[in-house]
C-alpha cells in the first residue's frame, strides 16, 4: 500500500489507516500451511505468494476470508469464503 503513495502526505494518510487495522502475525504454523499451498497450487492454479499467505492465515485461525476475488481461493478446500 505504501508503494502507491505519490507524496509524503499520502504516505502519512496510508500509515494512519493501516494503524487502525488489526495485525495478525505470521507464525510457524501459517508458514507451513503457506508452503503446502504453494507446493499444491502454484502450478495448477497459479496461486500467488500474497494470496497464499492470506489463505494460510485464514486457515490457521479458522476465520472466514472476505474477498471479492473468490476465483483466487475457491480451489482451497480448507478455506471458508465469505
Protein backbone atom coordinates (compact mmCIF):
# COMPACT_ATOMS: atom_id res chain seq x y z
CA UNK A 1 0.00 0.00 0.00
CA UNK A 2 2.88 2.34 0.71
CA UNK A 3 4.19 1.82 -2.81
CA UNK A 4 1.22 3.69 -4.30
CA UNK A 5 1.79 6.88 -2.30
CA UNK A 6 2.54 9.86 -4.51
CA UNK A 7 3.95 12.07 -1.76
CA UNK A 8 4.64 12.31 1.99
CA UNK A 9 1.08 13.49 2.74
CA UNK A 10 -0.42 10.42 1.09
CA UNK A 11 2.11 8.20 2.81
CA UNK A 12 1.05 9.62 6.19
CA UNK A 13 -2.64 9.02 5.37
CA UNK A 14 -1.91 5.43 4.40
CA UNK A 15 0.12 4.86 7.57
CA UNK A 16 -2.72 6.20 9.75
CA UNK A 17 -5.28 3.95 8.06
CA UNK A 18 -3.05 0.88 8.32
CA UNK A 19 -2.54 1.54 12.04
CA UNK A 20 -6.32 1.11 12.53
CA UNK A 21 -6.25 -2.42 11.07
CA UNK A 22 -5.82 -5.46 13.27
CA UNK A 23 -2.46 -7.02 12.50
CA UNK A 24 -2.19 -10.80 12.61
CA UNK A 25 1.38 -12.05 12.91
CA UNK A 26 2.67 -14.81 10.67
CA UNK A 27 3.87 -17.73 12.77
CA UNK A 28 5.46 -21.11 12.07
CA UNK A 29 2.11 -22.84 11.54
CA UNK A 30 1.00 -20.26 8.99
CA UNK A 31 4.35 -20.62 7.25
CA UNK A 32 3.87 -24.40 6.97
CA UNK A 33 0.34 -24.01 5.61
CA UNK A 34 1.63 -21.39 3.15
CA UNK A 35 4.37 -23.72 1.91
CA UNK A 36 1.89 -26.54 1.41
CA UNK A 37 -0.46 -24.25 -0.52
CA UNK A 38 2.37 -23.09 -2.77
CA UNK A 39 3.51 -26.66 -3.43
CA UNK A 40 -0.01 -27.88 -4.14
CA UNK A 41 -1.45 -24.92 -6.11
CA UNK A 42 1.33 -22.81 -7.63
CA UNK A 43 1.50 -24.80 -10.85
CA UNK A 44 -2.14 -25.86 -11.22
CA UNK A 45 -3.94 -22.67 -10.13
CA UNK A 46 -1.09 -20.14 -10.25
CA UNK A 47 -1.69 -19.04 -6.65
CA UNK A 48 0.46 -16.04 -5.84
CA UNK A 49 2.53 -15.51 -2.72
CA UNK A 50 0.26 -12.82 -1.21
CA UNK A 51 -2.90 -14.91 -1.78
CA UNK A 52 -1.24 -18.00 -0.30
CA UNK A 53 -0.19 -16.05 2.81
CA UNK A 54 -3.72 -14.67 3.19
CA UNK A 55 -5.26 -18.12 2.72
CA UNK A 56 -2.82 -19.76 5.14
CA UNK A 57 -3.61 -17.16 7.80
CA UNK A 58 -7.37 -17.64 7.38
CA UNK A 59 -6.99 -21.42 7.57
CA UNK A 60 -4.73 -21.27 10.64
CA UNK A 61 -7.11 -19.05 12.60
CA UNK A 62 -10.25 -20.75 11.19
CA UNK A 63 -11.65 -17.39 10.14
CA UNK A 64 -13.74 -16.74 7.03
CA UNK A 65 -11.95 -14.93 4.25
CA UNK A 66 -13.87 -11.97 2.89
CA UNK A 67 -12.90 -11.45 -0.72
CA UNK A 68 -14.35 -10.20 -3.96
CA UNK A 69 -11.92 -12.49 -5.79
CA UNK A 70 -13.29 -15.92 -4.96
CA UNK A 71 -11.63 -17.23 -8.13
CA UNK A 72 -8.28 -16.86 -6.35
CA UNK A 73 -9.29 -19.15 -3.47
CA UNK A 74 -12.19 -21.43 -4.46
CA UNK A 75 -9.91 -24.43 -5.08
CA UNK A 76 -8.58 -24.50 -1.48
CA UNK A 77 -10.79 -26.98 0.40
CA UNK A 78 -9.86 -25.86 3.94
CA UNK A 79 -10.77 -22.21 3.42
CA UNK A 80 -14.10 -20.63 4.29
CA UNK A 81 -15.01 -17.90 1.80
CA UNK A 82 -17.36 -15.15 2.90
